[in-house]
């Protein structure tokens, strides 16, 4: 909008354009927050999967038992999330636990499919 057009524009039109611009900025800000939240959840899930893999290599069984350490950690984290023990960070811990649970499920599915193929 040029200076000449600006002088000819009514205050009502300018106010409407300003309000539309404010609404657009608010929508962009909300979208950015939503995308950041999704990105953090995905990153935490990937970290949970990586932690599961590391536990399988370093400590595959819980204290010499037949219980997978990573599966036990998932159960403990799930219980603590349900008990709201993380002071508002439950959603983040749940994402991490979901990544671990996904890795456990993938490993067990692979074992089952390999046993069926043999």
PDB file of N, CA and C in Angstrom:
ATOM      1  N   UNK A   1       0.854  -1.166   0.000  1.00  0.00           N
ATOM      2  CA  UNK A   1       0.000   0.000   0.000  1.00  0.00           C
ATOM      3  C   UNK A   1       0.897   1.226   0.000  1.00  0.00           C
ATOM      4  N   UNK A   2       0.719   2.086  -0.971  1.00  0.00           N
ATOM      5  CA  UNK A   2       1.544   3.290  -1.059  1.00  0.00           C
ATOM      6  C   UNK A   2       1.059   4.334  -0.072  1.00  0.00           C
ATOM      7  N   UNK A   3       1.859   5.378   0.062  1.00  0.00           N
ATOM      8  CA  UNK A   3       1.506   6.453   0.992  1.00  0.00           C
ATOM      9  C   UNK A   3       0.226   7.137   0.556  1.00  0.00           C
ATOM     10  N   UNK A   4       0.054   7.316  -0.748  1.00  0.00           N
ATOM     11  CA  UNK A   4      -1.150   7.968  -1.246  1.00  0.00           C
ATOM     12  C   UNK A   4      -2.374   7.105  -0.950  1.00  0.00           C
ATOM     13  N   UNK A   5      -2.286   5.810  -1.183  1.00  0.00           N
ATOM     14  CA  UNK A   5      -3.404   4.920  -0.895  1.00  0.00           C
ATOM     15  C   UNK A   5      -3.699   4.868   0.588  1.00  0.00           C
ATOM     16  N   UNK A   6      -2.670   4.940   1.395  1.00  0.00           N
ATOM     17  CA  UNK A   6      -2.848   4.919   2.844  1.00  0.00           C
ATOM     18  C   UNK A   6      -3.649   6.125   3.304  1.00  0.00           C
ATOM     19  N   UNK A   7      -3.383   7.287   2.725  1.00  0.00           N
ATOM     20  CA  UNK A   7      -4.106   8.507   3.095  1.00  0.00           C
ATOM     21  C   UNK A   7      -5.569   8.422   2.690  1.00  0.00           C
ATOM     22  N   UNK A   8      -5.852   7.695   1.624  1.00  0.00           N
ATOM     23  CA  UNK A   8      -7.225   7.583   1.136  1.00  0.00           C
ATOM     24  C   UNK A   8      -8.012   6.471   1.828  1.00  0.00           C
ATOM     25  N   UNK A   9      -7.331   5.603   2.567  1.00  0.00           N
ATOM     26  CA  UNK A   9      -7.989   4.480   3.219  1.00  0.00           C
ATOM     27  C   UNK A   9      -8.650   4.952   4.510  1.00  0.00           C
ATOM     28  N   UNK A  10      -9.847   4.480   4.743  1.00  0.00           N
ATOM     29  CA  UNK A  10     -10.565   4.898   5.952  1.00  0.00           C
ATOM     30  C   UNK A  10      -9.976   4.218   7.183  1.00  0.00           C
ATOM     31  N   UNK A  11     -10.227   4.832   8.301  1.00  0.00           N
ATOM     32  CA  UNK A  11      -9.738   4.267   9.568  1.00  0.00           C
ATOM     33  C   UNK A  11     -10.356   2.899   9.829  1.00  0.00           C
ATOM     34  N   UNK A  12     -11.576   2.713   9.432  1.00  0.00           N
ATOM     35  CA  UNK A  12     -12.252   1.427   9.620  1.00  0.00           C
ATOM     36  C   UNK A  12     -11.559   0.336   8.807  1.00  0.00           C
ATOM     37  N   UNK A  13     -11.205   0.654   7.573  1.00  0.00           N
ATOM     38  CA  UNK A  13     -10.503  -0.321   6.724  1.00  0.00           C
ATOM     39  C   UNK A  13      -9.125  -0.644   7.305  1.00  0.00           C
ATOM     40  N   UNK A  14      -8.432   0.394   7.756  1.00  0.00           N
ATOM     41  CA  UNK A  14      -7.110   0.169   8.348  1.00  0.00           C
ATOM     42  C   UNK A  14      -7.207  -0.697   9.598  1.00  0.00           C
ATOM     43  N   UNK A  15      -8.206  -0.432  10.423  1.00  0.00           N
ATOM     44  CA  UNK A  15      -8.398  -1.217  11.642  1.00  0.00           C
ATOM     45  C   UNK A  15      -8.705  -2.677  11.296  1.00  0.00           C
ATOM     46  N   UNK A  16      -9.504  -2.884  10.255  1.00  0.00           N
ATOM     47  CA  UNK A  16      -9.852  -4.255   9.830  1.00  0.00           C
ATOM     48  C   UNK A  16      -8.612  -4.979   9.317  1.00  0.00           C
ATOM     49  N   UNK A  17      -7.789  -4.270   8.525  1.00  0.00           N
ATOM     50  CA  UNK A  17      -6.561  -4.886   8.020  1.00  0.00           C
ATOM     51  C   UNK A  17      -5.601  -5.205   9.151  1.00  0.00           C
ATOM     52  N   UNK A  18      -5.493  -4.310  10.109  1.00  0.00           N
ATOM     53  CA  UNK A  18      -4.628  -4.550  11.267  1.00  0.00           C
ATOM     54  C   UNK A  18      -5.122  -5.754  12.066  1.00  0.00           C
ATOM     55  N   UNK A  19      -6.408  -5.882  12.244  1.00  0.00           N
ATOM     56  CA  UNK A  19      -6.969  -7.015  12.983  1.00  0.00           C
ATOM     57  C   UNK A  19      -6.726  -8.324  12.240  1.00  0.00           C
ATOM     58  N   UNK A  20      -6.843  -8.311  10.916  1.00  0.00           N
ATOM     59  CA  UNK A  20      -6.553  -9.519  10.129  1.00  0.00           C
ATOM     60  C   UNK A  20      -5.081  -9.908  10.269  1.00  0.00           C
ATOM     61  N   UNK A  21      -4.217  -8.907  10.256  1.00  0.00           N
ATOM     62  CA  UNK A  21      -2.783  -9.186  10.407  1.00  0.00           C
ATOM     63  C   UNK A  21      -2.495  -9.763  11.787  1.00  0.00           C
ATOM     64  N   UNK A  22      -3.130  -9.221  12.803  1.00  0.00           N
ATOM     65  CA  UNK A  22      -2.950  -9.741  14.165  1.00  0.00           C
ATOM     66  C   UNK A  22      -3.456 -11.184  14.271  1.00  0.00           C
ATOM     67  N   UNK A  23      -4.606 -11.454  13.662  1.00  0.00           N
ATOM     68  CA  UNK A  23      -5.155 -12.807  13.686  1.00  0.00           C
ATOM     69  C   UNK A  23      -4.235 -13.786  12.971  1.00  0.00           C
ATOM     70  N   UNK A  24      -3.677 -13.347  11.842  1.00  0.00           N
ATOM     71  CA  UNK A  24      -2.756 -14.210  11.098  1.00  0.00           C
ATOM     72  C   UNK A  24      -1.513 -14.505  11.930  1.00  0.00           C
ATOM     73  N   UNK A  25      -0.975 -13.494  12.609  1.00  0.00           N
ATOM     74  CA  UNK A  25       0.207 -13.697  13.447  1.00  0.00           C
ATOM     75  C   UNK A  25      -0.102 -14.656  14.605  1.00  0.00           C
ATOM     76  N   UNK A  26      -1.280 -14.510  15.184  1.00  0.00           N
ATOM     77  CA  UNK A  26      -1.678 -15.399  16.274  1.00  0.00           C
ATOM     78  C   UNK A  26      -1.774 -16.844  15.778  1.00  0.00           C
ATOM     79  N   UNK A  27      -2.341 -17.028  14.588  1.00  0.00           N
ATOM     80  CA  UNK A  27      -2.467 -18.375  14.009  1.00  0.00           C
ATOM     81  C   UNK A  27      -1.085 -18.961  13.721  1.00  0.00           C
ATOM     82  N   UNK A  28      -0.164 -18.147  13.186  1.00  0.00           N
ATOM     83  CA  UNK A  28       1.196 -18.620  12.925  1.00  0.00           C
ATOM     84  C   UNK A  28       1.886 -19.035  14.214  1.00  0.00           C
ATOM     85  N   UNK A  29       1.681 -18.249  15.248  1.00  0.00           N
ATOM     86  CA  UNK A  29       2.296 -18.545  16.542  1.00  0.00           C
ATOM     87  C   UNK A  29       1.745 -19.861  17.113  1.00  0.00           C
ATOM     88  N   UNK A  30       0.440 -20.068  16.997  1.00  0.00           N
ATOM     89  CA  UNK A  30      -0.168 -21.313  17.471  1.00  0.00           C
ATOM     90  C   UNK A  30       0.330 -22.509  16.676  1.00  0.00           C
ATOM     91  N   UNK A  31       0.458 -22.347  15.368  1.00  0.00           N
ATOM     92  CA  UNK A  31       0.975 -23.432  14.531  1.00  0.00           C
ATOM     93  C   UNK A  31       2.409 -23.770  14.904  1.00  0.00           C
ATOM     94  N   UNK A  32       3.219 -22.743  15.131  1.00  0.00           N
ATOM     95  CA  UNK A  32       4.617 -22.975  15.509  1.00  0.00           C
ATOM     96  C   UNK A  32       4.700 -23.722  16.835  1.00  0.00           C
ATOM     97  N   UNK A  33       3.866 -23.359  17.793  1.00  0.00           N
ATOM     98  CA  UNK A  33       3.865 -24.043  19.091  1.00  0.00           C
ATOM     99  C   UNK A  33       3.436 -25.502  18.931  1.00  0.00           C
ATOM    100  N   UNK A  34       2.432 -25.737  18.092  1.00  0.00           N
ATOM    101  CA  UNK A  34       1.950 -27.110  17.860  1.00  0.00           C
ATOM    102  C   UNK A  34       3.030 -27.963  17.191  1.00  0.00           C
ATOM    103  N   UNK A  35       3.693 -27.410  16.204  1.00  0.00           N
ATOM    104  CA  UNK A  35       4.744 -28.145  15.499  1.00  0.00           C
ATOM    105  C   UNK A  35       5.925 -28.418  16.431  1.00  0.00           C
ATOM    106  N   UNK A  36       6.270 -27.448  17.260  1.00  0.00           N
ATOM    107  CA  UNK A  36       7.367 -27.646  18.211  1.00  0.00           C
ATOM    108  C   UNK A  36       7.029 -28.747  19.214  1.00  0.00           C
ATOM    109  N   UNK A  37       5.785 -28.762  19.676  1.00  0.00           N
ATOM    110  CA  UNK A  37       5.356 -29.797  20.626  1.00  0.00           C
ATOM    111  C   UNK A  37       5.411 -31.187  19.980  1.00  0.00           C
ATOM    112  N   UNK A  38       4.945 -31.283  18.741  1.00  0.00           N
ATOM    113  CA  UNK A  38       5.009 -32.559  18.025  1.00  0.00           C
ATOM    114  C   UNK A  38       6.456 -32.991  17.811  1.00  0.00           C
ATOM    115  N   UNK A  39       7.296 -32.058  17.418  1.00  0.00           N
ATOM    116  CA  UNK A  39       8.710 -32.364  17.197  1.00  0.00           C
ATOM    117  C   UNK A  39       9.386 -32.855  18.459  1.00  0.00           C
ATOM    118  N   UNK A  40       9.075 -32.226  19.588  1.00  0.00           N
ATOM    119  CA  UNK A  40       9.655 -32.666  20.854  1.00  0.00           C
ATOM    120  C   UNK A  40       9.189 -34.072  21.205  1.00  0.00           C
ATOM    121  N   UNK A  41       7.898 -34.355  21.012  1.00  0.00           N
ATOM    122  CA  UNK A  41       7.381 -35.692  21.291  1.00  0.00           C
ATOM    123  C   UNK A  41       8.038 -36.760  20.439  1.00  0.00           C
ATOM    124  N   UNK A  42       8.233 -36.451  19.158  1.00  0.00           N
ATOM    125  CA  UNK A  42       8.887 -37.400  18.257  1.00  0.00           C
ATOM    126  C   UNK A  42      10.335 -37.617  18.665  1.00  0.00           C
ATOM    127  N   UNK A  43      11.018 -36.537  19.015  1.00  0.00           N
ATOM    128  CA  UNK A  43      12.416 -36.643  19.441  1.00  0.00           C
ATOM    129  C   UNK A  43      12.540 -37.470  20.721  1.00  0.00           C
ATOM    130  N   UNK A  44      11.632 -37.252  21.665  1.00  0.00           N
ATOM    131  CA  UNK A  44      11.668 -38.025  22.909  1.00  0.00           C
ATOM    132  C   UNK A  44      11.349 -39.497  22.659  1.00  0.00           C
ATOM    133  N   UNK A  45      10.437 -39.775  21.745  1.00  0.00           N
ATOM    134  CA  UNK A  45      10.135 -41.165  21.412  1.00  0.00           C
ATOM    135  C   UNK A  45      11.350 -41.842  20.782  1.00  0.00           C
ATOM    136  N   UNK A  46      12.031 -41.128  19.901  1.00  0.00           N
ATOM    137  CA  UNK A  46      13.249 -41.688  19.296  1.00  0.00           C
ATOM    138  C   UNK A  46      14.316 -41.933  20.356  1.00  0.00           C
ATOM    139  N   UNK A  47      14.426 -41.008  21.303  1.00  0.00           N
ATOM    140  CA  UNK A  47      15.396 -41.189  22.396  1.00  0.00           C
ATOM    141  C   UNK A  47      15.029 -42.407  23.244  1.00  0.00           C
ATOM    142  N   UNK A  48      13.735 -42.633  23.462  1.00  0.00           N
ATOM    143  CA  UNK A  48      13.299 -43.812  24.194  1.00  0.00           C
ATOM    144  C   UNK A  48      13.657 -45.096  23.463  1.00  0.00           C
ATOM    145  N   UNK A  49      13.495 -45.084  22.150  1.00  0.00           N
ATOM    146  CA  UNK A  49      13.881 -46.250  21.356  1.00  0.00           C
ATOM    147  C   UNK A  49      15.380 -46.503  21.432  1.00  0.00           C
ATOM    148  N   UNK A  50      16.154 -45.427  21.376  1.00  0.00           N
ATOM    149  CA  UNK A  50      17.610 -45.565  21.492  1.00  0.00           C
ATOM    150  C   UNK A  50      18.006 -46.069  22.874  1.00  0.00           C
ATOM    151  N   UNK A  51      17.335 -45.582  23.897  1.00  0.00           N
ATOM    152  CA  UNK A  51      17.623 -46.043  25.264  1.00  0.00           C
ATOM    153  C   UNK A  51      17.298 -47.530  25.403  1.00  0.00           C
ATOM    154  N   UNK A  52      16.219 -47.952  24.777  1.00  0.00           N
ATOM    155  CA  UNK A  52      15.855 -49.367  24.805  1.00  0.00           C
ATOM    156  C   UNK A  52      16.954 -50.209  24.170  1.00  0.00           C
ATOM    157  N   UNK A  53      17.459 -49.759  23.032  1.00  0.00           N
ATOM    158  CA  UNK A  53      18.549 -50.473  22.363  1.00  0.00           C
ATOM    159  C   UNK A  53      19.802 -50.531  23.220  1.00  0.00           C
ATOM    160  N   UNK A  54      20.131 -49.423  23.864  1.00  0.00           N
ATOM    161  CA  UNK A  54      21.312 -49.394  24.724  1.00  0.00           C
ATOM    162  C   UNK A  54      21.153 -50.342  25.909  1.00  0.00           C
ATOM    163  N   UNK A  55      19.961 -50.361  26.496  1.00  0.00           N
ATOM    164  CA  UNK A  55      19.717 -51.289  27.610  1.00  0.00           C
ATOM    165  C   UNK A  55      19.817 -52.738  27.159  1.00  0.00           C
ATOM    166  N   UNK A  56      19.357 -53.041  25.960  1.00  0.00           N
ATOM    167  CA  UNK A  56      19.438 -54.416  25.449  1.00  0.00           C
ATOM    168  C   UNK A  56      20.879 -54.867  25.288  1.00  0.00           C
ATOM    169  N   UNK A  57      21.751 -53.938  24.972  1.00  0.00           N
ATOM    170  CA  UNK A  57      23.164 -54.280  24.809  1.00  0.00           C
ATOM    171  C   UNK A  57      23.870 -54.358  26.162  1.00  0.00           C
ATOM    172  N   UNK A  58      23.651 -53.355  27.009  1.00  0.00           N
ATOM    173  CA  UNK A  58      24.391 -53.262  28.280  1.00  0.00           C
ATOM    174  C   UNK A  58      23.785 -54.100  29.403  1.00  0.00           C
ATOM    175  N   UNK A  59      22.468 -54.092  29.525  1.00  0.00           N
ATOM    176  CA  UNK A  59      21.778 -54.800  30.616  1.00  0.00           C
ATOM    177  C   UNK A  59      20.500 -55.435  30.074  1.00  0.00           C
ATOM    178  N   UNK A  60      20.609 -56.500  29.293  1.00  0.00           N
ATOM    179  CA  UNK A  60      19.422 -57.061  28.632  1.00  0.00           C
ATOM    180  C   UNK A  60      18.373 -57.622  29.593  1.00  0.00           C
ATOM    181  N   UNK A  61      18.793 -58.213  30.684  1.00  0.00           N
ATOM    182  CA  UNK A  61      17.837 -58.817  31.628  1.00  0.00           C
ATOM    183  C   UNK A  61      17.951 -58.137  32.984  1.00  0.00           C
ATOM    184  N   UNK A  62      16.820 -58.050  33.650  1.00  0.00           N
ATOM    185  CA  UNK A  62      16.744 -57.365  34.935  1.00  0.00           C
ATOM    186  C   UNK A  62      17.291 -58.253  36.045  1.00  0.00           C
ATOM    187  N   UNK A  63      18.428 -57.890  36.583  1.00  0.00           N
ATOM    188  CA  UNK A  63      19.060 -58.580  37.718  1.00  0.00           C
ATOM    189  C   UNK A  63      19.138 -60.095  37.540  1.00  0.00           C
ATOM    190  N   UNK A  64      19.564 -60.522  36.370  1.00  0.00           N
ATOM    191  CA  UNK A  64      19.741 -61.949  36.128  1.00  0.00           C
ATOM    192  C   UNK A  64      18.452 -62.731  35.945  1.00  0.00           C
ATOM    193  N   UNK A  65      17.321 -62.059  35.869  1.00  0.00           N
ATOM    194  CA  UNK A  65      16.043 -62.752  35.677  1.00  0.00           C
ATOM    195  C   UNK A  65      15.777 -62.923  34.182  1.00  0.00           C
ATOM    196  N   UNK A  66      14.587 -63.328  33.836  1.00  0.00           N
ATOM    197  CA  UNK A  66      14.196 -63.453  32.435  1.00  0.00           C
ATOM    198  C   UNK A  66      13.408 -62.229  31.957  1.00  0.00           C
ATOM    199  N   UNK A  67      13.315 -61.210  32.793  1.00  0.00           N
ATOM    200  CA  UNK A  67      12.560 -59.997  32.465  1.00  0.00           C
ATOM    201  C   UNK A  67      13.472 -59.032  31.711  1.00  0.00           C
ATOM    202  N   UNK A  68      13.025 -58.579  30.551  1.00  0.00           N
ATOM    203  CA  UNK A  68      13.784 -57.590  29.794  1.00  0.00           C
ATOM    204  C   UNK A  68      13.833 -56.275  30.570  1.00  0.00           C
ATOM    205  N   UNK A  69      15.035 -55.723  30.708  1.00  0.00           N
ATOM    206  CA  UNK A  69      15.213 -54.490  31.477  1.00  0.00           C
ATOM    207  C   UNK A  69      14.408 -53.346  30.873  1.00  0.00           C
ATOM    208  N   UNK A  70      14.457 -53.202  29.554  1.00  0.00           N
ATOM    209  CA  UNK A  70      13.739 -52.082  28.940  1.00  0.00           C
ATOM    210  C   UNK A  70      12.231 -52.209  29.109  1.00  0.00           C
ATOM    211  N   UNK A  71      11.704 -53.421  29.056  1.00  0.00           N
ATOM    212  CA  UNK A  71      10.264 -53.618  29.279  1.00  0.00           C
ATOM    213  C   UNK A  71       9.889 -53.246  30.713  1.00  0.00           C
ATOM    214  N   UNK A  72      10.753 -53.595  31.665  1.00  0.00           N
ATOM    215  CA  UNK A  72      10.494 -53.235  33.064  1.00  0.00           C
ATOM    216  C   UNK A  72      10.526 -51.720  33.245  1.00  0.00           C
ATOM    217  N   UNK A  73      11.474 -51.052  32.588  1.00  0.00           N
ATOM    218  CA  UNK A  73      11.557 -49.590  32.684  1.00  0.00           C
ATOM    219  C   UNK A  73      10.296 -48.949  32.109  1.00  0.00           C
ATOM    220  N   UNK A  74       9.796 -49.472  31.000  1.00  0.00           N
ATOM    221  CA  UNK A  74       8.560 -48.953  30.404  1.00  0.00           C
ATOM    222  C   UNK A  74       7.418 -49.068  31.404  1.00  0.00           C
ATOM    223  N   UNK A  75       7.295 -50.218  32.054  1.00  0.00           N
ATOM    224  CA  UNK A  75       6.211 -50.401  33.030  1.00  0.00           C
ATOM    225  C   UNK A  75       6.338 -49.439  34.200  1.00  0.00           C
ATOM    226  N   UNK A  76       7.552 -49.247  34.695  1.00  0.00           N
ATOM    227  CA  UNK A  76       7.764 -48.318  35.814  1.00  0.00           C
ATOM    228  C   UNK A  76       7.430 -46.891  35.385  1.00  0.00           C
ATOM    229  N   UNK A  77       7.936 -46.477  34.221  1.00  0.00           N
ATOM    230  CA  UNK A  77       7.644 -45.121  33.749  1.00  0.00           C
ATOM    231  C   UNK A  77       6.157 -44.912  33.526  1.00  0.00           C
ATOM    232  N   UNK A  78       5.484 -45.911  32.972  1.00  0.00           N
ATOM    233  CA  UNK A  78       4.044 -45.808  32.741  1.00  0.00           C
ATOM    234  C   UNK A  78       3.290 -45.638  34.059  1.00  0.00           C
ATOM    235  N   UNK A  79       3.671 -46.402  35.049  1.00  0.00           N
ATOM    236  CA  UNK A  79       3.044 -46.269  36.364  1.00  0.00           C
ATOM    237  C   UNK A  79       3.281 -44.901  36.984  1.00  0.00           C
ATOM    238  N   UNK A  80       4.497 -44.395  36.850  1.00  0.00           N
ATOM    239  CA  UNK A  80       4.810 -43.074  37.403  1.00  0.00           C
ATOM    240  C   UNK A  80       4.086 -41.959  36.653  1.00  0.00           C
ATOM    241  N   UNK A  81       3.944 -42.119  35.338  1.00  0.00           N
ATOM    242  CA  UNK A  81       3.184 -41.135  34.568  1.00  0.00           C
ATOM    243  C   UNK A  81       1.727 -41.150  35.016  1.00  0.00           C
ATOM    244  N   UNK A  82       1.161 -42.338  35.186  1.00  0.00           N
ATOM    245  CA  UNK A  82      -0.231 -42.452  35.628  1.00  0.00           C
ATOM    246  C   UNK A  82      -0.424 -41.848  37.015  1.00  0.00           C
ATOM    247  N   UNK A  83       0.607 -41.933  37.851  1.00  0.00           N
ATOM    248  CA  UNK A  83       0.533 -41.374  39.204  1.00  0.00           C
ATOM    249  C   UNK A  83       0.879 -39.889  39.235  1.00  0.00           C
ATOM    250  N   UNK A  84       1.146 -39.311  38.058  1.00  0.00           N
ATOM    251  CA  UNK A  84       1.499 -37.894  37.935  1.00  0.00           C
ATOM    252  C   UNK A  84       2.694 -37.531  38.809  1.00  0.00           C
ATOM    253  N   UNK A  85       3.723 -38.355  38.737  1.00  0.00           N
ATOM    254  CA  UNK A  85       4.895 -38.186  39.592  1.00  0.00           C
ATOM    255  C   UNK A  85       5.972 -37.293  38.982  1.00  0.00           C
ATOM    256  N   UNK A  86       5.729 -36.730  37.806  1.00  0.00           N
ATOM    257  CA  UNK A  86       6.773 -35.972  37.132  1.00  0.00           C
ATOM    258  C   UNK A  86       6.510 -34.476  37.093  1.00  0.00           C
ATOM    259  N   UNK A  87       5.667 -33.984  37.967  1.00  0.00           N
ATOM    260  CA  UNK A  87       5.447 -32.552  38.166  1.00  0.00           C
ATOM    261  C   UNK A  87       5.165 -31.807  36.858  1.00  0.00           C
ATOM    262  N   UNK A  88       4.219 -32.309  36.087  1.00  0.00           N
ATOM    263  CA  UNK A  88       3.818 -31.637  34.873  1.00  0.00           C
ATOM    264  C   UNK A  88       4.552 -32.084  33.616  1.00  0.00           C
ATOM    265  N   UNK A  89       5.559 -32.924  33.754  1.00  0.00           N
ATOM    266  CA  UNK A  89       6.317 -33.387  32.585  1.00  0.00           C
ATOM    267  C   UNK A  89       5.862 -34.772  32.135  1.00  0.00           C
ATOM    268  N   UNK A  90       4.685 -35.189  32.562  1.00  0.00           N
ATOM    269  CA  UNK A  90       4.202 -36.536  32.244  1.00  0.00           C
ATOM    270  C   UNK A  90       4.123 -36.785  30.741  1.00  0.00           C
ATOM    271  N   UNK A  91       3.702 -35.780  29.995  1.00  0.00           N
ATOM    272  CA  UNK A  91       3.574 -35.972  28.544  1.00  0.00           C
ATOM    273  C   UNK A  91       4.937 -36.270  27.915  1.00  0.00           C
ATOM    274  N   UNK A  92       5.972 -35.612  28.397  1.00  0.00           N
ATOM    275  CA  UNK A  92       7.315 -35.844  27.865  1.00  0.00           C
ATOM    276  C   UNK A  92       7.828 -37.236  28.244  1.00  0.00           C
ATOM    277  N   UNK A  93       7.623 -37.605  29.484  1.00  0.00           N
ATOM    278  CA  UNK A  93       8.064 -38.930  29.935  1.00  0.00           C
ATOM    279  C   UNK A  93       7.269 -40.014  29.208  1.00  0.00           C
ATOM    280  N   UNK A  94       5.991 -39.761  28.985  1.00  0.00           N
ATOM    281  CA  UNK A  94       5.158 -40.727  28.258  1.00  0.00           C
ATOM    282  C   UNK A  94       5.670 -40.903  26.826  1.00  0.00           C
ATOM    283  N   UNK A  95       6.088 -39.832  26.180  1.00  0.00           N
ATOM    284  CA  UNK A  95       6.648 -39.947  24.827  1.00  0.00           C
ATOM    285  C   UNK A  95       7.911 -40.795  24.837  1.00  0.00           C
ATOM    286  N   UNK A  96       8.770 -40.571  25.819  1.00  0.00           N
ATOM    287  CA  UNK A  96       9.995 -41.360  25.956  1.00  0.00           C
ATOM    288  C   UNK A  96       9.653 -42.837  26.166  1.00  0.00           C
ATOM    289  N   UNK A  97       8.697 -43.108  27.068  1.00  0.00           N
ATOM    290  CA  UNK A  97       8.285 -44.488  27.346  1.00  0.00           C
ATOM    291  C   UNK A  97       7.651 -45.135  26.113  1.00  0.00           C
ATOM    292  N   UNK A  98       6.911 -44.358  25.325  1.00  0.00           N
ATOM    293  CA  UNK A  98       6.317 -44.908  24.102  1.00  0.00           C
ATOM    294  C   UNK A  98       7.393 -45.344  23.124  1.00  0.00           C
ATOM    295  N   UNK A  99       8.466 -44.569  23.038  1.00  0.00           N
ATOM    296  CA  UNK A  99       9.575 -44.962  22.177  1.00  0.00           C
ATOM    297  C   UNK A  99      10.207 -46.258  22.641  1.00  0.00           C
ATOM    298  N   UNK A 100      10.382 -46.386  23.955  1.00  0.00           N
ATOM    299  CA  UNK A 100      10.928 -47.632  24.501  1.00  0.00           C
ATOM    300  C   UNK A 100       9.973 -48.790  24.233  1.00  0.00           C
ATOM    301  N   UNK A 101       8.688 -48.555  24.454  1.00  0.00           N
ATOM    302  CA  UNK A 101       7.695 -49.614  24.237  1.00  0.00           C
ATOM    303  C   UNK A 101       7.662 -50.032  22.766  1.00  0.00           C
ATOM    304  N   UNK A 102       7.806 -49.073  21.872  1.00  0.00           N
ATOM    305  CA  UNK A 102       7.845 -49.391  20.445  1.00  0.00           C
ATOM    306  C   UNK A 102       9.040 -50.259  20.095  1.00  0.00           C
ATOM    307  N   UNK A 103      10.193 -49.958  20.708  1.00  0.00           N
ATOM    308  CA  UNK A 103      11.386 -50.768  20.456  1.00  0.00           C
ATOM    309  C   UNK A 103      11.207 -52.183  21.002  1.00  0.00           C
ATOM    310  N   UNK A 104      10.604 -52.295  22.182  1.00  0.00           N
ATOM    311  CA  UNK A 104      10.343 -53.620  22.765  1.00  0.00           C
ATOM    312  C   UNK A 104       9.395 -54.404  21.857  1.00  0.00           C
ATOM    313  N   UNK A 105       8.334 -53.751  21.409  1.00  0.00           N
ATOM    314  CA  UNK A 105       7.365 -54.430  20.537  1.00  0.00           C
ATOM    315  C   UNK A 105       8.013 -54.863  19.222  1.00  0.00           C
ATOM    316  N   UNK A 106       8.861 -54.016  18.663  1.00  0.00           N
ATOM    317  CA  UNK A 106       9.540 -54.370  17.413  1.00  0.00           C
ATOM    318  C   UNK A 106      10.452 -55.578  17.617  1.00  0.00           C
ATOM    319  N   UNK A 107      11.192 -55.577  18.700  1.00  0.00           N
ATOM    320  CA  UNK A 107      12.107 -56.692  18.978  1.00  0.00           C
ATOM    321  C   UNK A 107      11.338 -57.993  19.179  1.00  0.00           C
ATOM    322  N   UNK A 108      10.274 -57.944  19.963  1.00  0.00           N
ATOM    323  CA  UNK A 108       9.498 -59.162  20.230  1.00  0.00           C
ATOM    324  C   UNK A 108       8.783 -59.647  18.971  1.00  0.00           C
ATOM    325  N   UNK A 109       8.302 -58.728  18.146  1.00  0.00           N
ATOM    326  CA  UNK A 109       7.674 -59.118  16.876  1.00  0.00           C
ATOM    327  C   UNK A 109       8.685 -59.793  15.965  1.00  0.00           C
ATOM    328  N   UNK A 110       9.894 -59.250  15.936  1.00  0.00           N
ATOM    329  CA  UNK A 110      10.941 -59.832  15.107  1.00  0.00           C
ATOM    330  C   UNK A 110      11.268 -61.250  15.579  1.00  0.00           C
ATOM    331  N   UNK A 111      11.396 -61.423  16.894  1.00  0.00           N
ATOM    332  CA  UNK A 111      11.667 -62.766  17.437  1.00  0.00           C
ATOM    333  C   UNK A 111      10.558 -63.742  17.056  1.00  0.00           C
ATOM    334  N   UNK A 112       9.315 -63.300  17.192  1.00  0.00           N
ATOM    335  CA  UNK A 112       8.181 -64.171  16.880  1.00  0.00           C
ATOM    336  C   UNK A 112       8.180 -64.552  15.394  1.00  0.00           C
ATOM    337  N   UNK A 113       8.390 -63.556  14.534  1.00  0.00           N
ATOM    338  CA  UNK A 113       8.374 -63.830  13.096  1.00  0.00           C
ATOM    339  C   UNK A 113       9.532 -64.749  12.704  1.00  0.00           C
ATOM    340  N   UNK A 114      10.678 -64.580  13.328  1.00  0.00           N
ATOM    341  CA  UNK A 114      11.819 -65.464  13.045  1.00  0.00           C
ATOM    342  C   UNK A 114      11.542 -66.878  13.505  1.00  0.00           C
ATOM    343  N   UNK A 115      10.864 -67.027  14.649  1.00  0.00           N
ATOM    344  CA  UNK A 115      10.564 -68.377  15.143  1.00  0.00           C
ATOM    345  C   UNK A 115       9.530 -69.066  14.248  1.00  0.00           C
ATOM    346  N   UNK A 116       8.634 -68.292  13.647  1.00  0.00           N
ATOM    347  CA  UNK A 116       7.626 -68.857  12.750  1.00  0.00           C
ATOM    348  C   UNK A 116       8.233 -69.256  11.411  1.00  0.00           C
ATOM    349  N   UNK A 117       9.296 -68.557  11.013  1.00  0.00           N
ATOM    350  CA  UNK A 117       9.917 -68.830   9.722  1.00  0.00           C
ATOM    351  C   UNK A 117      10.809 -70.064   9.793  1.00  0.00           C
ATOM    352  N   UNK A 118      11.274 -70.401  10.969  1.00  0.00           N
ATOM    353  CA  UNK A 118      12.202 -71.530  11.115  1.00  0.00           C
ATOM    354  C   UNK A 118      11.525 -72.859  11.037  1.00  0.00           C
TER     355      UNK A 118
END
